[in-house]
Amino acid sequence: MTTRAGFVALIGEPNAGKSTLTNWMVGAKVSIVTHKVQTTRARIRGVALEGDAQLVLVDTPGLFRPRRRLDRAMIAAAWSGVADADVVVLLVEAHRGITDGVRAILDALAERTGRAKVALAINKIDRVQSEVLLKLTEDLNAAYPFTQTFMISAEKGYGCADLKAWLAGEMPEGPWLYPEDQIADLPLRMIAAEMTREKLTLRLHQELPYQLTVETENWEERGDGSARIDQVIYVARDGHKGIVLGKKGETVKAVSKAAREELEEFLGRKVHLFLQVKVRPNWLEEAERYSEMGLDFRDGNS
């Protein structure tokens, strides 16, 4: 049997549905999904199988105009994911159409993609009329020579099987890059930290989620098959610590419970999760925090 394997970079604006599509293709939750923009920080790779092909999905941070060092490092990570890919898929939200952000991505695509084929996936098609879809497809294909166009709803799964089958056929021949049972190349410690960060993002509002980060400090396998996981939530200010803890510690307790339940489901065993909140005023300027997120601190300088 001839096997195929390669890298697929999913790009688009924040909230275009890249994480949802990654999770659909992998068949498990490897990428955190929230309605807040800029949720995906590191290039989380999901590993999906389709027949004799292995697709390594590079779920890049959404492309937007960077303001801070963390933003710049995230953008650099997104574009380097594109440069390494065999196929690039641009996701565009059907109901938002060609925004300024989409235009900026289209302008940059030609010089950034190298030899990779670029496919277009118009997502959230259930939100618009068919004539709007048709016009959007024509306009986007006039703006860039896409190899293929797909109409999908990543959330509902419409059209995703066709996209996955096409991607499988486009992968170069060669041995699989990961063991058959592996679904992500992020260390478990990082996946666990991302799950807790997702729960914090869902519970907290406005700007705070971008002012915090979560790290798994300790992971201990216990004799009874369970795992003890100690995590630290770093915030930039004392006031933020109070918000994360909540009244009588209610917020952090609820976050801990939700994260623990999801971790137990993901790992298939019992988890003891312990969260601490620490104030580190300059964490956004510390190289070590970036490497914990899988980002390059130096990329934030550009």
C-alpha atoms as a PDB file:
ATOM      1  CA  MET A   1       0.000   0.000   0.000  1.00  0.00           C
ATOM      2  CA  THR A   2       1.310   3.424  -0.937  1.00  0.00           C
ATOM      3  CA  THR A   3       1.015   5.823   1.963  1.00  0.00           C
ATOM      4  CA  ARG A   4       0.833   9.577   1.767  1.00  0.00           C
ATOM      5  CA  ALA A   5       1.584  12.215   4.364  1.00  0.00           C
ATOM      6  CA  GLY A   6       1.918  15.968   4.423  1.00  0.00           C
ATOM      7  CA  PHE A   7       1.127  19.280   6.059  1.00  0.00           C
ATOM      8  CA  VAL A   8      -2.063  21.290   5.593  1.00  0.00           C
ATOM      9  CA  ALA A   9      -2.041  24.895   6.817  1.00  0.00           C
ATOM     10  CA  LEU A  10      -5.422  26.371   7.696  1.00  0.00           C
ATOM     11  CA  ILE A  11      -5.372  30.161   7.496  1.00  0.00           C
ATOM     12  CA  GLY A  12      -7.902  32.939   7.784  1.00  0.00           C
ATOM     13  CA  GLU A  13      -9.072  35.762   9.968  1.00  0.00           C
ATOM     14  CA  PRO A  14      -9.726  35.204  13.679  1.00  0.00           C
ATOM     15  CA  ASN A  15     -12.958  33.199  14.186  1.00  0.00           C
ATOM     16  CA  ALA A  16     -13.038  31.939  10.584  1.00  0.00           C
ATOM     17  CA  GLY A  17     -13.501  28.378  11.905  1.00  0.00           C
ATOM     18  CA  LYS A  18      -9.971  26.959  11.651  1.00  0.00           C
ATOM     19  CA  SER A  19     -10.008  25.286  15.071  1.00  0.00           C
ATOM     20  CA  THR A  20     -13.505  23.854  14.519  1.00  0.00           C
ATOM     21  CA  LEU A  21     -12.416  22.389  11.165  1.00  0.00           C
ATOM     22  CA  THR A  22      -9.236  20.940  12.705  1.00  0.00           C
ATOM     23  CA  ASN A  23     -11.283  19.232  15.421  1.00  0.00           C
ATOM     24  CA  TRP A  24     -13.813  17.895  12.865  1.00  0.00           C
ATOM     25  CA  MET A  25     -11.074  16.385  10.687  1.00  0.00           C
ATOM     26  CA  VAL A  26      -9.192  14.846  13.591  1.00  0.00           C
ATOM     27  CA  GLY A  27     -12.396  13.583  15.176  1.00  0.00           C
ATOM     28  CA  ALA A  28     -11.318  14.817  18.614  1.00  0.00           C
ATOM     29  CA  LYS A  29     -10.815  18.125  20.333  1.00  0.00           C
ATOM     30  CA  VAL A  30      -7.208  19.183  19.883  1.00  0.00           C
ATOM     31  CA  SER A  31      -7.709  22.857  19.195  1.00  0.00           C
ATOM     32  CA  ILE A  32      -9.482  25.168  21.599  1.00  0.00           C
ATOM     33  CA  VAL A  33     -12.640  26.754  20.263  1.00  0.00           C
ATOM     34  CA  THR A  34     -14.206  29.881  21.731  1.00  0.00           C
ATOM     35  CA  HIS A  35     -16.065  32.837  20.312  1.00  0.00           C
ATOM     36  CA  LYS A  36     -13.317  35.203  21.384  1.00  0.00           C
ATOM     37  CA  VAL A  37     -10.800  36.168  18.730  1.00  0.00           C
ATOM     38  CA  GLN A  38      -7.113  35.252  18.927  1.00  0.00           C
ATOM     39  CA  THR A  39      -7.769  32.123  20.954  1.00  0.00           C
ATOM     40  CA  THR A  40      -5.275  29.940  19.119  1.00  0.00           C
ATOM     41  CA  ARG A  41      -1.779  31.025  20.076  1.00  0.00           C
ATOM     42  CA  ALA A  42       0.507  28.200  19.098  1.00  0.00           C
ATOM     43  CA  ARG A  43       0.399  26.295  15.821  1.00  0.00           C
ATOM     44  CA  ILE A  44      -1.582  23.378  17.132  1.00  0.00           C
ATOM     45  CA  ARG A  45      -1.204  20.431  14.846  1.00  0.00           C
ATOM     46  CA  GLY A  46      -3.957  17.897  14.614  1.00  0.00           C
ATOM     47  CA  VAL A  47      -3.231  14.601  12.912  1.00  0.00           C
ATOM     48  CA  ALA A  48      -6.083  13.258  10.761  1.00  0.00           C
ATOM     49  CA  LEU A  49      -6.264  10.001   8.813  1.00  0.00           C
ATOM     50  CA  GLU A  50      -8.106   9.533   5.512  1.00  0.00           C
ATOM     51  CA  GLY A  51      -7.627   6.152   3.815  1.00  0.00           C
ATOM     52  CA  ASP A  52      -3.905   5.674   3.255  1.00  0.00           C
ATOM     53  CA  ALA A  53      -3.144   9.369   3.850  1.00  0.00           C
ATOM     54  CA  GLN A  54      -2.114  11.188   7.011  1.00  0.00           C
ATOM     55  CA  LEU A  55      -2.913  14.896   7.147  1.00  0.00           C
ATOM     56  CA  VAL A  56      -0.975  16.996   9.634  1.00  0.00           C
ATOM     57  CA  LEU A  57      -3.154  20.046  10.209  1.00  0.00           C
ATOM     58  CA  VAL A  58      -1.392  23.229  11.166  1.00  0.00           C
ATOM     59  CA  ASP A  59      -4.031  25.360  12.841  1.00  0.00           C
ATOM     60  CA  THR A  60      -2.523  28.825  12.673  1.00  0.00           C
ATOM     61  CA  PRO A  61      -3.440  31.820  14.830  1.00  0.00           C
ATOM     62  CA  GLY A  62      -5.920  34.074  13.009  1.00  0.00           C
ATOM     63  CA  LEU A  63      -4.284  36.726  10.869  1.00  0.00           C
ATOM     64  CA  PHE A  64      -5.021  40.244  12.060  1.00  0.00           C
ATOM     65  CA  ARG A  65      -3.235  43.570  12.527  1.00  0.00           C
ATOM     66  CA  PRO A  66      -0.696  43.110  15.330  1.00  0.00           C
ATOM     67  CA  ARG A  67      -0.452  45.636  18.152  1.00  0.00           C
ATOM     68  CA  ARG A  68       1.726  43.985  20.800  1.00  0.00           C
ATOM     69  CA  ARG A  69       4.689  41.662  20.977  1.00  0.00           C
ATOM     70  CA  LEU A  70       2.431  38.645  21.595  1.00  0.00           C
ATOM     71  CA  ASP A  71       0.346  39.581  18.531  1.00  0.00           C
ATOM     72  CA  ARG A  72       3.454  39.859  16.336  1.00  0.00           C
ATOM     73  CA  ALA A  73       4.787  36.499  17.520  1.00  0.00           C
ATOM     74  CA  MET A  74       1.392  34.924  16.743  1.00  0.00           C
ATOM     75  CA  ILE A  75       1.352  36.369  13.197  1.00  0.00           C
ATOM     76  CA  ALA A  76       4.902  35.127  12.564  1.00  0.00           C
ATOM     77  CA  ALA A  77       3.811  31.652  13.711  1.00  0.00           C
ATOM     78  CA  ALA A  78       0.833  31.742  11.349  1.00  0.00           C
ATOM     79  CA  TRP A  79       2.851  32.648   8.271  1.00  0.00           C
ATOM     80  CA  SER A  80       5.650  30.181   9.049  1.00  0.00           C
ATOM     81  CA  GLY A  81       2.940  27.479   9.210  1.00  0.00           C
ATOM     82  CA  VAL A  82       1.981  28.475   5.672  1.00  0.00           C
ATOM     83  CA  ALA A  83       5.573  28.390   4.409  1.00  0.00           C
ATOM     84  CA  ASP A  84       6.030  24.764   5.563  1.00  0.00           C
ATOM     85  CA  ALA A  85       2.762  23.409   4.145  1.00  0.00           C
ATOM     86  CA  ASP A  86       2.075  21.110   1.182  1.00  0.00           C
ATOM     87  CA  VAL A  87      -1.431  22.543   0.820  1.00  0.00           C
ATOM     88  CA  VAL A  88      -2.878  25.773   2.217  1.00  0.00           C
ATOM     89  CA  VAL A  89      -6.602  26.187   2.905  1.00  0.00           C
ATOM     90  CA  LEU A  90      -7.948  29.723   3.257  1.00  0.00           C
ATOM     91  CA  LEU A  91     -11.138  29.859   5.316  1.00  0.00           C
ATOM     92  CA  VAL A  92     -13.498  32.751   4.673  1.00  0.00           C
ATOM     93  CA  GLU A  93     -16.762  33.290   6.570  1.00  0.00           C
ATOM     94  CA  ALA A  94     -19.674  33.277   4.128  1.00  0.00           C
ATOM     95  CA  HIS A  95     -21.711  35.929   5.947  1.00  0.00           C
ATOM     96  CA  ARG A  96     -18.771  38.339   6.339  1.00  0.00           C
ATOM     97  CA  GLY A  97     -17.468  38.016   2.785  1.00  0.00           C
ATOM     98  CA  ILE A  98     -14.353  39.831   1.599  1.00  0.00           C
ATOM     99  CA  THR A  99     -13.375  41.979   4.574  1.00  0.00           C
ATOM    100  CA  ASP A 100     -10.266  44.175   4.763  1.00  0.00           C
ATOM    101  CA  GLY A 101      -8.588  41.327   6.645  1.00  0.00           C
ATOM    102  CA  VAL A 102      -9.382  38.785   3.908  1.00  0.00           C
ATOM    103  CA  ARG A 103      -8.097  41.264   1.304  1.00  0.00           C
ATOM    104  CA  ALA A 104      -4.798  41.649   3.201  1.00  0.00           C
ATOM    105  CA  ILE A 105      -4.395  37.835   3.350  1.00  0.00           C
ATOM    106  CA  LEU A 106      -5.126  37.520  -0.387  1.00  0.00           C
ATOM    107  CA  ASP A 107      -2.474  40.178  -1.131  1.00  0.00           C
ATOM    108  CA  ALA A 108       0.135  38.346   0.948  1.00  0.00           C
ATOM    109  CA  LEU A 109      -0.707  34.809  -0.221  1.00  0.00           C
ATOM    110  CA  ALA A 110       1.221  34.765  -3.497  1.00  0.00           C
ATOM    111  CA  GLU A 111       4.573  35.613  -1.920  1.00  0.00           C
ATOM    112  CA  ARG A 112       4.027  33.526   1.229  1.00  0.00           C
ATOM    113  CA  THR A 113       2.826  30.182  -0.099  1.00  0.00           C
ATOM    114  CA  GLY A 114       5.760  29.164  -2.288  1.00  0.00           C
ATOM    115  CA  ARG A 115       4.893  26.029  -4.261  1.00  0.00           C
ATOM    116  CA  ALA A 116       1.949  24.974  -2.127  1.00  0.00           C
ATOM    117  CA  LYS A 117      -1.493  24.632  -3.697  1.00  0.00           C
ATOM    118  CA  VAL A 118      -4.049  26.954  -2.155  1.00  0.00           C
ATOM    119  CA  ALA A 119      -7.674  25.873  -1.746  1.00  0.00           C
ATOM    120  CA  LEU A 120     -10.562  28.082  -0.711  1.00  0.00           C
ATOM    121  CA  ALA A 121     -13.064  26.912   1.920  1.00  0.00           C
ATOM    122  CA  ILE A 122     -16.079  29.163   2.355  1.00  0.00           C
ATOM    123  CA  ASN A 123     -17.285  28.365   5.874  1.00  0.00           C
ATOM    124  CA  LYS A 124     -20.595  28.908   7.712  1.00  0.00           C
ATOM    125  CA  ILE A 125     -22.533  28.497   4.439  1.00  0.00           C
ATOM    126  CA  ASP A 126     -25.731  27.865   6.383  1.00  0.00           C
ATOM    127  CA  ARG A 127     -25.812  31.575   7.241  1.00  0.00           C
ATOM    128  CA  VAL A 128     -26.342  32.980   3.724  1.00  0.00           C
ATOM    129  CA  GLN A 129     -28.514  32.556   0.608  1.00  0.00           C
ATOM    130  CA  SER A 130     -27.122  30.563  -2.319  1.00  0.00           C
ATOM    131  CA  GLU A 131     -26.885  33.576  -4.655  1.00  0.00           C
ATOM    132  CA  VAL A 132     -24.715  35.396  -2.087  1.00  0.00           C
ATOM    133  CA  LEU A 133     -22.476  32.317  -1.932  1.00  0.00           C
ATOM    134  CA  LEU A 134     -22.190  32.163  -5.701  1.00  0.00           C
ATOM    135  CA  LYS A 135     -21.184  35.830  -5.956  1.00  0.00           C
ATOM    136  CA  LEU A 136     -18.650  35.475  -3.125  1.00  0.00           C
ATOM    137  CA  THR A 137     -17.119  32.403  -4.803  1.00  0.00           C
ATOM    138  CA  GLU A 138     -16.753  34.278  -8.086  1.00  0.00           C
ATOM    139  CA  ASP A 139     -15.245  37.363  -6.439  1.00  0.00           C
ATOM    140  CA  LEU A 140     -12.730  35.375  -4.392  1.00  0.00           C
ATOM    141  CA  ASN A 141     -11.630  33.266  -7.362  1.00  0.00           C
ATOM    142  CA  ALA A 142     -11.214  36.434  -9.407  1.00  0.00           C
ATOM    143  CA  ALA A 143      -8.966  37.833  -6.657  1.00  0.00           C
ATOM    144  CA  TYR A 144      -6.753  34.720  -6.373  1.00  0.00           C
ATOM    145  CA  PRO A 145      -6.243  31.590  -8.521  1.00  0.00           C
ATOM    146  CA  PHE A 146      -7.432  28.957  -6.019  1.00  0.00           C
ATOM    147  CA  THR A 147      -6.803  25.343  -7.023  1.00  0.00           C
ATOM    148  CA  GLN A 148     -10.171  24.251  -5.651  1.00  0.00           C
ATOM    149  CA  THR A 149     -13.159  25.790  -3.863  1.00  0.00           C
ATOM    150  CA  PHE A 150     -15.209  24.083  -1.140  1.00  0.00           C
ATOM    151  CA  MET A 151     -18.445  25.167   0.538  1.00  0.00           C
ATOM    152  CA  ILE A 152     -18.493  23.964   4.132  1.00  0.00           C
ATOM    153  CA  SER A 153     -19.927  24.329   7.599  1.00  0.00           C
ATOM    154  CA  ALA A 154     -17.166  23.185   9.948  1.00  0.00           C
ATOM    155  CA  GLU A 155     -19.549  23.311  12.892  1.00  0.00           C
ATOM    156  CA  LYS A 156     -22.201  21.092  11.279  1.00  0.00           C
ATOM    157  CA  GLY A 157     -19.789  19.031   9.185  1.00  0.00           C
ATOM    158  CA  TYR A 158     -21.323  19.916   5.792  1.00  0.00           C
ATOM    159  CA  GLY A 159     -18.845  19.549   2.939  1.00  0.00           C
ATOM    160  CA  CYS A 160     -15.963  18.687   5.284  1.00  0.00           C
ATOM    161  CA  ALA A 161     -15.680  15.075   4.061  1.00  0.00           C
ATOM    162  CA  ASP A 162     -15.177  16.274   0.461  1.00  0.00           C
ATOM    163  CA  LEU A 163     -12.488  18.697   1.557  1.00  0.00           C
ATOM    164  CA  LYS A 164     -10.739  16.017   3.615  1.00  0.00           C
ATOM    165  CA  ALA A 165     -10.830  13.501   0.742  1.00  0.00           C
ATOM    166  CA  TRP A 166      -9.394  16.078  -1.669  1.00  0.00           C
ATOM    167  CA  LEU A 167      -6.625  17.017   0.767  1.00  0.00           C
ATOM    168  CA  ALA A 168      -5.732  13.330   1.205  1.00  0.00           C
ATOM    169  CA  GLY A 169      -5.266  12.991  -2.555  1.00  0.00           C
ATOM    170  CA  GLU A 170      -2.993  16.049  -2.633  1.00  0.00           C
ATOM    171  CA  MET A 171      -0.558  14.767   0.015  1.00  0.00           C
ATOM    172  CA  PRO A 172       2.868  13.657  -1.251  1.00  0.00           C
ATOM    173  CA  GLU A 173       3.652   9.933  -1.221  1.00  0.00           C
ATOM    174  CA  GLY A 174       5.745   8.880   1.742  1.00  0.00           C
ATOM    175  CA  PRO A 175       5.657   7.272   5.179  1.00  0.00           C
ATOM    176  CA  TRP A 176       3.335   8.618   7.859  1.00  0.00           C
ATOM    177  CA  LEU A 177       4.885  11.287  10.052  1.00  0.00           C
ATOM    178  CA  TYR A 178       3.210  10.247  13.311  1.00  0.00           C
ATOM    179  CA  PRO A 179       2.110   6.960  14.907  1.00  0.00           C
ATOM    180  CA  GLU A 180      -1.392   5.908  13.861  1.00  0.00           C
ATOM    181  CA  ASP A 181      -2.932   6.590  17.276  1.00  0.00           C
ATOM    182  CA  GLN A 182      -1.461  10.062  17.756  1.00  0.00           C
ATOM    183  CA  ILE A 183      -3.842  12.954  17.177  1.00  0.00           C
ATOM    184  CA  ALA A 184      -1.691  15.975  18.030  1.00  0.00           C
ATOM    185  CA  ASP A 185       1.977  16.803  18.292  1.00  0.00           C
ATOM    186  CA  LEU A 186       1.583  19.170  21.209  1.00  0.00           C
ATOM    187  CA  PRO A 187       2.881  17.784  24.475  1.00  0.00           C
ATOM    188  CA  LEU A 188       0.052  16.747  26.789  1.00  0.00           C
ATOM    189  CA  ARG A 189       1.185  19.410  29.268  1.00  0.00           C
ATOM    190  CA  MET A 190       0.473  22.087  26.683  1.00  0.00           C
ATOM    191  CA  ILE A 191      -2.883  20.611  25.632  1.00  0.00           C
ATOM    192  CA  ALA A 192      -3.891  20.552  29.321  1.00  0.00           C
ATOM    193  CA  ALA A 193      -2.875  24.219  29.743  1.00  0.00           C
ATOM    194  CA  GLU A 194      -4.838  25.171  26.614  1.00  0.00           C
ATOM    195  CA  MET A 195      -7.949  23.428  27.946  1.00  0.00           C
ATOM    196  CA  THR A 196      -7.796  25.424  31.181  1.00  0.00           C
ATOM    197  CA  ARG A 197      -7.175  28.632  29.214  1.00  0.00           C
ATOM    198  CA  GLU A 198     -10.256  27.907  27.106  1.00  0.00           C
ATOM    199  CA  LYS A 199     -12.407  27.582  30.223  1.00  0.00           C
ATOM    200  CA  LEU A 200     -11.022  30.889  31.555  1.00  0.00           C
ATOM    201  CA  THR A 201     -11.697  32.579  28.203  1.00  0.00           C
ATOM    202  CA  LEU A 202     -15.299  31.384  28.254  1.00  0.00           C
ATOM    203  CA  ARG A 203     -15.903  32.626  31.810  1.00  0.00           C
ATOM    204  CA  LEU A 204     -14.090  35.947  31.716  1.00  0.00           C
ATOM    205  CA  HIS A 205     -15.047  38.894  29.597  1.00  0.00           C
ATOM    206  CA  GLN A 206     -13.517  41.729  27.604  1.00  0.00           C
ATOM    207  CA  GLU A 207      -9.748  42.093  27.517  1.00  0.00           C
ATOM    208  CA  LEU A 208      -8.690  39.899  30.416  1.00  0.00           C
ATOM    209  CA  PRO A 209      -8.252  36.602  28.515  1.00  0.00           C
ATOM    210  CA  TYR A 210      -5.412  38.161  26.494  1.00  0.00           C
ATOM    211  CA  GLN A 211      -3.726  39.334  29.697  1.00  0.00           C
ATOM    212  CA  LEU A 212      -3.365  35.830  31.095  1.00  0.00           C
ATOM    213  CA  THR A 213      -1.599  32.612  30.262  1.00  0.00           C
ATOM    214  CA  VAL A 214      -1.710  29.109  31.740  1.00  0.00           C
ATOM    215  CA  GLU A 215       1.238  26.768  32.245  1.00  0.00           C
ATOM    216  CA  THR A 216       1.326  23.166  33.427  1.00  0.00           C
ATOM    217  CA  GLU A 217       3.982  23.228  36.125  1.00  0.00           C
ATOM    218  CA  ASN A 218       3.851  19.631  37.237  1.00  0.00           C
ATOM    219  CA  TRP A 219       2.378  16.365  35.923  1.00  0.00           C
ATOM    220  CA  GLU A 220       2.516  13.322  38.130  1.00  0.00           C
ATOM    221  CA  GLU A 221       1.340   9.865  37.095  1.00  0.00           C
ATOM    222  CA  ARG A 222      -0.120   8.062  40.097  1.00  0.00           C
ATOM    223  CA  GLY A 223      -0.078   4.375  40.929  1.00  0.00           C
ATOM    224  CA  ASP A 224      -3.876   4.088  40.659  1.00  0.00           C
ATOM    225  CA  GLY A 225      -3.769   5.224  37.003  1.00  0.00           C
ATOM    226  CA  SER A 226      -4.878   8.793  37.723  1.00  0.00           C
ATOM    227  CA  ALA A 227      -2.835  11.928  37.051  1.00  0.00           C
ATOM    228  CA  ARG A 228      -2.150  14.911  39.309  1.00  0.00           C
ATOM    229  CA  ILE A 229      -1.771  18.098  37.262  1.00  0.00           C
ATOM    230  CA  ASP A 230      -0.603  21.381  38.790  1.00  0.00           C
ATOM    231  CA  GLN A 231      -1.115  24.523  36.742  1.00  0.00           C
ATOM    232  CA  VAL A 232      -0.324  28.199  37.208  1.00  0.00           C
ATOM    233  CA  ILE A 233      -2.471  30.971  35.780  1.00  0.00           C
ATOM    234  CA  TYR A 234      -0.258  34.029  35.232  1.00  0.00           C
ATOM    235  CA  VAL A 235      -1.970  37.417  35.188  1.00  0.00           C
ATOM    236  CA  ALA A 236      -0.471  40.858  34.633  1.00  0.00           C
ATOM    237  CA  ARG A 237      -2.073  42.768  37.526  1.00  0.00           C
ATOM    238  CA  ASP A 238      -3.328  42.286  41.087  1.00  0.00           C
ATOM    239  CA  GLY A 239      -6.813  43.343  40.021  1.00  0.00           C
ATOM    240  CA  HIS A 240      -6.828  40.558  37.427  1.00  0.00           C
ATOM    241  CA  LYS A 241      -6.022  37.985  40.115  1.00  0.00           C
ATOM    242  CA  GLY A 242      -9.198  38.931  41.981  1.00  0.00           C
ATOM    243  CA  ILE A 243     -11.268  38.584  38.811  1.00  0.00           C
ATOM    244  CA  VAL A 244      -9.827  35.132  38.025  1.00  0.00           C
ATOM    245  CA  LEU A 245     -10.362  33.917  41.595  1.00  0.00           C
ATOM    246  CA  GLY A 246     -13.888  35.364  41.757  1.00  0.00           C
ATOM    247  CA  LYS A 247     -16.017  35.909  44.841  1.00  0.00           C
ATOM    248  CA  LYS A 248     -14.924  33.388  47.497  1.00  0.00           C
ATOM    249  CA  GLY A 249     -12.857  31.634  44.821  1.00  0.00           C
ATOM    250  CA  GLU A 250     -15.995  30.667  42.865  1.00  0.00           C
ATOM    251  CA  THR A 251     -14.663  31.518  39.394  1.00  0.00           C
ATOM    252  CA  VAL A 252     -11.423  29.572  39.652  1.00  0.00           C
ATOM    253  CA  LYS A 253     -13.310  26.619  41.210  1.00  0.00           C
ATOM    254  CA  ALA A 254     -15.767  26.521  38.302  1.00  0.00           C
ATOM    255  CA  VAL A 255     -12.915  26.794  35.774  1.00  0.00           C
ATOM    256  CA  SER A 256     -11.002  24.024  37.527  1.00  0.00           C
ATOM    257  CA  LYS A 257     -14.036  21.710  37.538  1.00  0.00           C
ATOM    258  CA  ALA A 258     -14.814  22.309  33.832  1.00  0.00           C
ATOM    259  CA  ALA A 259     -11.156  21.868  32.803  1.00  0.00           C
ATOM    260  CA  ARG A 260     -10.773  18.718  34.922  1.00  0.00           C
ATOM    261  CA  GLU A 261     -13.885  17.112  33.414  1.00  0.00           C
ATOM    262  CA  GLU A 262     -12.682  17.811  29.885  1.00  0.00           C
ATOM    263  CA  LEU A 263      -9.189  16.524  30.666  1.00  0.00           C
ATOM    264  CA  GLU A 264     -10.647  13.323  32.118  1.00  0.00           C
ATOM    265  CA  GLU A 265     -12.671  12.798  28.954  1.00  0.00           C
ATOM    266  CA  PHE A 266      -9.637  13.541  26.750  1.00  0.00           C
ATOM    267  CA  LEU A 267      -7.236  11.289  28.687  1.00  0.00           C
ATOM    268  CA  GLY A 268      -9.809   8.625  29.515  1.00  0.00           C
ATOM    269  CA  ARG A 269      -8.894   8.511  33.217  1.00  0.00           C
ATOM    270  CA  LYS A 270      -9.241  10.328  36.521  1.00  0.00           C
ATOM    271  CA  VAL A 271      -7.471  13.677  36.899  1.00  0.00           C
ATOM    272  CA  HIS A 272      -6.686  15.704  40.032  1.00  0.00           C
ATOM    273  CA  LEU A 273      -6.268  19.313  38.845  1.00  0.00           C
ATOM    274  CA  PHE A 274      -4.819  22.051  41.054  1.00  0.00           C
ATOM    275  CA  LEU A 275      -4.803  25.679  39.897  1.00  0.00           C
ATOM    276  CA  GLN A 276      -2.838  28.583  41.347  1.00  0.00           C
ATOM    277  CA  VAL A 277      -3.103  32.224  40.274  1.00  0.00           C
ATOM    278  CA  LYS A 278       0.094  34.294  40.259  1.00  0.00           C
ATOM    279  CA  VAL A 279       0.698  37.926  39.353  1.00  0.00           C
ATOM    280  CA  ARG A 280       3.586  38.486  36.922  1.00  0.00           C
ATOM    281  CA  PRO A 281       3.391  42.075  35.665  1.00  0.00           C
ATOM    282  CA  ASN A 282       5.741  41.479  32.727  1.00  0.00           C
ATOM    283  CA  TRP A 283       4.782  38.004  31.558  1.00  0.00           C
ATOM    284  CA  LEU A 284       3.990  39.399  28.086  1.00  0.00           C
ATOM    285  CA  GLU A 285       7.684  40.361  27.804  1.00  0.00           C
ATOM    286  CA  GLU A 286       9.213  37.111  29.102  1.00  0.00           C
ATOM    287  CA  ALA A 287      10.795  34.776  26.545  1.00  0.00           C
ATOM    288  CA  GLU A 288      10.064  31.707  28.684  1.00  0.00           C
ATOM    289  CA  ARG A 289       6.294  32.317  28.572  1.00  0.00           C
ATOM    290  CA  TYR A 290       6.425  32.366  24.764  1.00  0.00           C
ATOM    291  CA  SER A 291       8.300  29.077  24.485  1.00  0.00           C
ATOM    292  CA  GLU A 292       5.666  27.514  26.788  1.00  0.00           C
ATOM    293  CA  MET A 293       3.064  28.634  24.199  1.00  0.00           C
ATOM    294  CA  GLY A 294       5.111  27.244  21.311  1.00  0.00           C
ATOM    295  CA  LEU A 295       5.861  30.744  19.981  1.00  0.00           C
ATOM    296  CA  ASP A 296       9.180  32.427  19.240  1.00  0.00           C
ATOM    297  CA  PHE A 297       9.773  35.447  21.482  1.00  0.00           C
ATOM    298  CA  ARG A 298      12.072  37.037  18.869  1.00  0.00           C
ATOM    299  CA  ASP A 299       9.257  37.083  16.300  1.00  0.00           C
ATOM    300  CA  GLY A 300       7.532  39.676  18.456  1.00  0.00           C
ATOM    301  CA  ASN A 301      10.204  42.235  17.600  1.00  0.00           C
ATOM    302  CA  SER A 302       9.394  42.567  13.941  1.00  0.00           C
END
